[in-house]
Protein backbone atom coordinates (compact mmCIF):
# COMPACT_ATOMS: atom_id res chain seq x y z
CA MET A 1 -2.83 -9.64 -17.38
CA ILE A 2 -0.93 -7.53 -18.64
CA VAL A 3 2.07 -9.56 -20.19
CA GLU A 4 -0.78 -11.84 -21.61
CA LEU A 5 -2.62 -8.87 -23.03
CA VAL A 6 0.37 -7.30 -25.16
CA ALA A 7 0.97 -10.56 -26.43
CA ARG A 8 -2.62 -10.88 -27.62
CA GLY A 9 -1.77 -8.07 -29.57
CA GLU A 10 -4.49 -6.02 -27.09
CA PRO A 11 -2.08 -3.84 -25.21
CA PRO A 12 -3.64 -1.33 -22.51
CA ASP A 13 -3.81 2.21 -23.96
CA VAL A 14 -1.87 3.29 -20.77
CA VAL A 15 -1.05 1.64 -17.56
CA LEU A 16 -1.18 3.50 -14.27
CA MET A 17 0.49 1.97 -10.31
CA ALA A 18 -0.16 4.32 -7.41
CA ASP A 19 2.87 4.38 -5.09
CA THR A 20 1.50 4.88 -1.60
CA GLY A 21 4.84 5.45 -0.46
CA SER A 22 4.65 2.64 1.90
CA GLU A 23 4.48 -0.80 -0.32
CA ARG A 24 6.77 -3.75 0.17
CA PRO A 25 10.38 -3.61 -0.49
CA GLU A 26 9.62 -6.25 -3.21
CA THR A 27 6.99 -4.47 -4.99
CA ASP A 28 9.25 -1.75 -4.66
CA ALA A 29 12.07 -3.78 -6.74
CA PHE A 30 9.37 -4.82 -9.05
CA VAL A 31 7.95 -1.63 -9.96
CA PRO A 32 11.19 -0.26 -12.13
CA LEU A 33 11.98 -3.99 -13.50
CA PHE A 34 8.45 -3.99 -14.96
CA ARG A 35 8.33 -0.32 -16.03
CA ASN A 36 11.17 -1.09 -18.13
CA TRP A 37 9.18 -4.24 -19.42
CA LEU A 38 6.40 -1.89 -20.46
CA ASP A 39 8.78 0.68 -22.17
CA ASP A 40 10.20 -2.23 -24.10
CA HIS A 41 6.72 -3.57 -25.59
CA GLY A 42 5.57 0.19 -26.71
CA VAL A 43 2.88 0.36 -23.32
CA GLU A 44 2.53 3.95 -21.77
CA ASN A 45 3.01 3.77 -17.83
CA HIS A 46 3.16 6.07 -15.17
CA VAL A 47 3.08 5.82 -11.76
CA VAL A 48 0.85 8.34 -9.97
CA ARG A 49 0.63 9.76 -6.39
CA TYR A 50 -1.76 11.17 -4.00
CA VAL A 51 -0.40 14.98 -2.95
CA PRO A 52 -1.06 15.93 0.23
CA ARG A 53 -1.66 20.25 0.24
CA ARG A 54 -3.12 21.00 3.50
CA PHE A 55 -1.03 20.27 6.19
CA LYS A 56 -2.81 22.96 8.86
CA HIS A 57 0.05 22.96 11.76
CA TRP A 58 1.40 19.68 11.01
CA PRO A 59 4.59 19.01 9.30
CA PRO A 60 4.01 17.91 5.27
CA TYR A 61 3.38 14.64 5.07
CA ALA A 62 4.34 12.58 1.72
CA SER A 63 3.47 8.95 2.15
CA LEU A 64 0.21 7.03 3.78
CA LEU A 65 2.67 5.98 6.48
CA GLU A 66 3.84 9.83 6.99
CA ASN A 67 0.18 10.40 7.27
CA LEU A 68 -0.61 7.67 10.15
CA LEU A 69 1.96 9.25 11.86
CA THR A 70 0.99 13.01 11.73
CA ASN A 71 -2.92 11.62 12.78
CA GLY A 72 -1.63 8.94 15.12
CA THR A 73 -3.89 6.90 14.00
CA LEU A 74 -3.90 3.30 11.91
CA PRO A 75 -5.16 2.54 8.49
CA SER A 76 -8.60 2.45 7.76
CA ILE A 77 -9.11 -0.97 6.47
CA SER A 78 -7.32 -2.19 10.11
CA PHE A 79 -10.76 -0.51 11.52
CA GLY A 80 -12.54 -2.91 8.62
CA ARG A 81 -12.50 0.58 6.08
CA HIS A 82 -11.09 1.03 2.75
CA SER A 83 -10.72 4.82 2.68
CA CYS A 84 -7.08 4.43 2.22
CA SER A 85 -7.08 2.60 -1.04
CA GLN A 86 -9.35 5.39 -1.85
CA LYS A 87 -7.43 8.12 -0.87
CA TRP A 88 -4.01 7.10 -1.84
CA LYS A 89 -4.92 4.73 -5.13
CA ILE A 90 -7.55 4.80 -6.64
CA ALA A 91 -8.41 8.58 -6.41
CA PRO A 92 -5.20 9.76 -7.93
CA GLN A 93 -5.14 7.53 -10.95
CA ASP A 94 -8.54 8.92 -11.53
CA ARG A 95 -7.45 12.59 -10.69
CA TRP A 96 -4.32 11.56 -13.74
CA THR A 97 -7.20 10.02 -16.19
CA GLU A 98 -9.65 13.24 -15.73
CA ALA A 99 -6.66 14.97 -17.83
CA TRP A 100 -6.02 12.17 -20.23
CA PRO A 101 -7.06 13.36 -23.43
CA PRO A 102 -8.55 10.18 -25.16
CA ALA A 103 -10.69 10.10 -21.94
CA ILE A 104 -11.26 13.56 -22.02
CA ASP A 105 -12.75 12.92 -25.66
CA ALA A 106 -14.57 9.63 -24.49
CA TRP A 107 -16.48 11.17 -22.37
CA ARG A 108 -17.62 14.34 -24.53
CA ARG A 109 -18.57 11.91 -27.00
CA GLY A 110 -20.63 10.28 -23.98
CA GLU A 111 -18.66 7.01 -24.13
CA LYS A 112 -17.13 5.37 -20.86
CA VAL A 113 -13.46 4.38 -20.49
CA VAL A 114 -12.56 0.91 -19.86
CA LYS A 115 -10.47 0.15 -17.03
CA LEU A 116 -8.78 -3.39 -16.54
CA ILE A 117 -9.06 -4.93 -13.47
CA GLY A 118 -6.77 -8.04 -12.53
CA TYR A 119 -9.15 -9.90 -10.86
CA ASP A 120 -8.65 -13.82 -11.71
CA CYS A 121 -10.71 -16.62 -10.72
CA SER A 122 -9.24 -17.86 -7.43
CA PRO A 123 -11.45 -17.97 -4.65
CA ALA A 124 -10.50 -14.70 -3.08
CA ASP A 125 -10.26 -13.03 -6.17
CA ASN A 126 -13.93 -14.71 -6.93
CA ARG A 127 -14.97 -12.82 -3.32
CA ARG A 128 -14.14 -9.78 -4.58
CA TYR A 129 -15.71 -9.85 -7.96
CA ALA A 130 -19.27 -10.61 -6.42
CA GLU A 131 -18.95 -7.53 -4.46
CA ARG A 132 -18.32 -5.22 -7.77
CA GLU A 133 -20.19 -7.25 -10.01
CA GLY A 134 -23.12 -5.25 -11.75
CA PHE A 135 -21.73 -2.38 -10.12
CA ASP A 136 -22.05 0.58 -12.70
CA ASP A 137 -20.18 3.96 -13.28
CA PRO A 138 -21.38 6.97 -14.88
CA ARG A 139 -17.47 7.13 -16.62
CA TYR A 140 -16.01 3.54 -16.41
CA VAL A 141 -16.86 0.48 -17.77
CA PHE A 142 -14.77 -2.59 -15.96
CA ARG A 143 -13.16 -5.53 -17.83
CA TYR A 144 -11.63 -8.62 -16.09
CA PRO A 145 -9.41 -10.04 -18.61
CA LEU A 146 -8.09 -12.65 -16.64
CA ARG A 147 -11.49 -14.14 -15.41
CA GLU A 148 -12.29 -13.69 -19.28
CA TRP A 149 -9.50 -16.32 -19.67
CA GLY A 150 -10.41 -18.39 -16.89
CA TRP A 151 -7.09 -18.27 -15.25
CA THR A 152 -5.97 -18.77 -11.68
CA ARG A 153 -3.34 -17.06 -9.62
CA LEU A 154 -0.55 -19.90 -10.80
CA ASP A 155 -2.00 -19.25 -14.49
CA CYS A 156 -0.40 -15.48 -13.97
CA ALA A 157 2.54 -16.86 -12.19
CA ARG A 158 3.42 -18.84 -14.97
CA ARG A 159 2.77 -16.35 -17.76
CA ILE A 160 5.19 -13.53 -15.89
CA ARG A 161 7.92 -16.26 -15.37
CA GLU A 162 7.19 -17.27 -19.49
CA ALA A 163 8.01 -13.22 -20.23
CA GLY A 164 11.27 -13.54 -18.14
CA LEU A 165 9.99 -11.24 -15.69
CA PRO A 166 9.98 -12.29 -11.83
CA VAL A 167 6.72 -12.79 -10.01
CA PRO A 168 5.76 -10.02 -7.72
CA VAL A 169 4.33 -10.27 -4.48
CA LYS A 170 1.10 -9.01 -3.78
CA SER A 171 0.62 -5.53 -3.75
CA SER A 172 0.18 -4.06 -0.48
CA CYS A 173 1.60 -1.53 2.23
CA PHE A 174 3.85 -3.32 4.39
CA PHE A 175 1.52 -2.52 7.41
CA CYS A 176 -1.41 -3.51 5.94
CA VAL A 177 -3.92 -6.20 7.74
CA ALA A 178 -4.09 -8.67 4.73
CA MET A 179 -0.07 -9.27 5.52
CA LYS A 180 0.01 -13.02 6.47
CA PRO A 181 2.67 -13.85 9.60
CA ASP A 182 4.99 -15.21 6.63
CA GLU A 183 5.41 -11.88 4.72
CA LEU A 184 5.95 -10.06 8.04
CA ARG A 185 8.40 -12.46 9.04
CA SER A 186 10.01 -11.30 5.78
CA LEU A 187 10.30 -7.58 6.43
CA PRO A 188 13.59 -6.30 6.94
CA PRO A 189 14.29 -4.39 10.48
CA ALA A 190 13.69 -1.13 9.40
CA TYR A 191 10.52 -1.92 8.49
CA LEU A 192 9.20 -3.55 11.53
CA ARG A 193 10.41 -1.00 13.55
CA LEU A 194 7.77 1.16 11.79
CA ILE A 195 5.45 -0.90 12.32
CA VAL A 196 6.11 -0.74 16.06
CA LEU A 197 6.25 2.80 15.36
CA ILE A 198 2.33 3.02 13.53
CA GLU A 199 0.85 0.58 16.80
CA ALA A 200 2.28 2.99 19.38
CA ARG A 201 1.96 6.15 18.03
CA ALA A 202 -1.76 5.01 17.70
CA ALA A 203 -2.41 3.58 20.97
CA PRO A 204 -3.65 5.96 22.87
CA ARG A 205 -6.43 6.39 20.73
CA LEU A 206 -7.10 2.42 20.05
CA ARG A 207 -10.69 1.24 21.50
CA THR A 208 -11.89 -1.38 18.93
CA VAL A 209 -8.95 -3.08 17.65
CA GLU A 210 -6.10 -4.38 19.03
CA GLY A 211 -3.38 -3.20 16.53
CA LEU A 212 -2.74 -3.04 12.38
CA TRP A 213 -3.93 -6.85 12.51
CA ARG A 214 -7.37 -5.66 14.14
CA SER A 215 -8.18 -8.37 16.37
CA SER A 216 -6.51 -11.86 17.16
CA VAL A 217 -6.77 -15.25 15.25
CA LYS A 218 -7.00 -18.57 16.49
CA GLY A 219 -6.08 -20.49 13.67
CA ARG A 220 -9.30 -22.59 13.03
CA GLY A 221 -10.32 -23.44 9.76
CA GLY A 222 -6.54 -23.80 8.12
CA ALA A 223 -5.91 -20.28 9.28
CA GLN A 224 -2.72 -19.11 10.75
CA PRO A 225 -2.75 -18.09 14.03
CA ARG A 226 -1.54 -14.65 15.27
CA PRO A 227 -2.24 -11.52 17.70
CA GLY A 228 -4.18 -8.17 16.12
CA SER A 229 -1.31 -6.27 17.54
CA MET A 230 1.88 -6.55 14.49
CA THR A 231 4.31 -5.06 17.49
CA ARG A 232 3.30 -8.25 19.80
CA PHE A 233 3.73 -10.92 16.84
CA ILE A 234 7.17 -9.01 16.45
CA ARG A 235 8.09 -9.80 20.03
CA ASP A 236 6.89 -13.03 20.41
CA GLU A 237 8.57 -14.42 16.89
CA GLY A 238 11.97 -12.02 18.35
CA LEU A 239 12.14 -10.29 14.68
CA LEU A 240 13.33 -7.40 17.13
CA SER A 241 15.16 -7.51 20.29
CA PRO A 242 12.66 -6.87 22.94
CA ARG A 243 15.42 -3.90 24.27
CA GLN A 244 14.45 -2.35 20.67
CA VAL A 245 10.71 -2.66 20.77
CA ASP A 246 10.53 -1.15 24.32
CA ARG A 247 12.99 1.86 23.21
CA ILE A 248 10.52 2.50 20.34
CA VAL A 249 7.35 1.85 22.49
CA ALA A 250 8.48 4.18 25.33
CA THR A 251 9.97 7.23 23.53
CA ALA A 252 9.30 7.37 19.83
CA PRO A 253 6.02 8.72 20.52
CA THR A 254 6.98 11.37 22.69
CA GLU A 255 9.92 12.75 20.40
CA LEU A 256 7.65 12.83 17.71
CA LEU A 257 4.70 14.52 19.58
CA ARG A 258 7.60 17.02 20.17
CA PHE A 259 8.60 17.32 16.65
CA GLN A 260 5.26 18.08 15.54
CA ALA A 261 4.83 20.49 18.20
CA ALA A 262 8.22 22.15 17.43
CA ALA A 263 7.33 22.45 13.62
CA ALA A 264 3.69 24.37 14.65
CA ARG A 265 5.72 27.26 15.51
CA VAL A 266 7.53 26.98 12.04
CA GLU A 267 6.05 29.03 8.77
CA LEU A 268 4.67 25.72 6.24
CA ALA A 269 7.55 26.99 3.77
CA ALA A 270 10.10 26.67 6.33
CA ARG A 271 8.79 23.47 8.03
CA PRO A 272 11.03 20.54 8.85
CA SER A 273 8.84 17.17 7.30
CA MET A 274 7.81 14.23 8.51
CA HIS A 275 10.26 12.88 6.56
CA ASP A 276 12.77 14.40 8.07
CA TRP A 277 11.91 13.27 11.57
CA LEU A 278 11.68 9.33 10.04
CA VAL A 279 15.62 9.89 8.93
CA ARG A 280 16.42 10.57 12.14
CA PHE A 281 14.47 7.35 13.66
CA ASN A 282 15.60 5.57 11.18
CA ALA A 283 19.28 5.80 11.93
CA GLY A 284 18.05 3.78 15.12
CA VAL A 285 18.48 0.36 12.71
CA ARG A 286 22.14 1.19 12.16
CA ASP A 287 22.65 2.54 15.98
CA GLU A 288 21.63 -1.57 16.54
CA ALA A 289 23.58 -2.54 14.10
CA ALA A 290 26.58 -1.05 15.52
């Protein structure tokens, strides 16, 4: 969408990218490339993030992954809700815009800011658009350029390649319920270990869902069969060794709880962060490879 808008002489005034700190590795690799492209074409761009501030007695956290491990739960989308997207993607962009002088001036004049939404004319985006159609926001007007042009996902991919850019993967957290089995298979071991950790940490509280994928899919109607638990899929597919999965499930949640309890006795300024614990946990990838 953005590539074509620039080519048509309609570049956005600013492009915002919300970073949850838990994106797929392909997305993390693509963002710097695309930001360079935007810079080369004179398009202002920024990466925005939700910044947690109230940690109570918990170790400080800075990403959606660390937030889940802190609370011992799954992302809200695994329960059929979307508050994780609101908190980690939409709200940081809105907060940035609230301090953006052109937006402030527009609102002062009683005008609305135009938000460009990248829904195309593919079946999945048709459904998303139908859910939002007619939505009235007091501060924003929503425009859907890809739908205006009648473009599908294939048209978008073609245009991106024509611009000399690699076609990015679908943007999502690597543990999102929307991840397809093949996408999970493509993840590096370090990411798979974190998925096992998330489900193991949340397991004592789960009552209505099997895991990050919510519930099992039998594969009817062309859907890919899979369990509701990503950990089970990882084990069944041999993406990690059974020994490694068992070790994470048996020991990591307890070790994390001990870490949290110890951190609670330390003043916030000197308190170790969830990132510190994850550095030690991720060292297990190197240990397994040794």
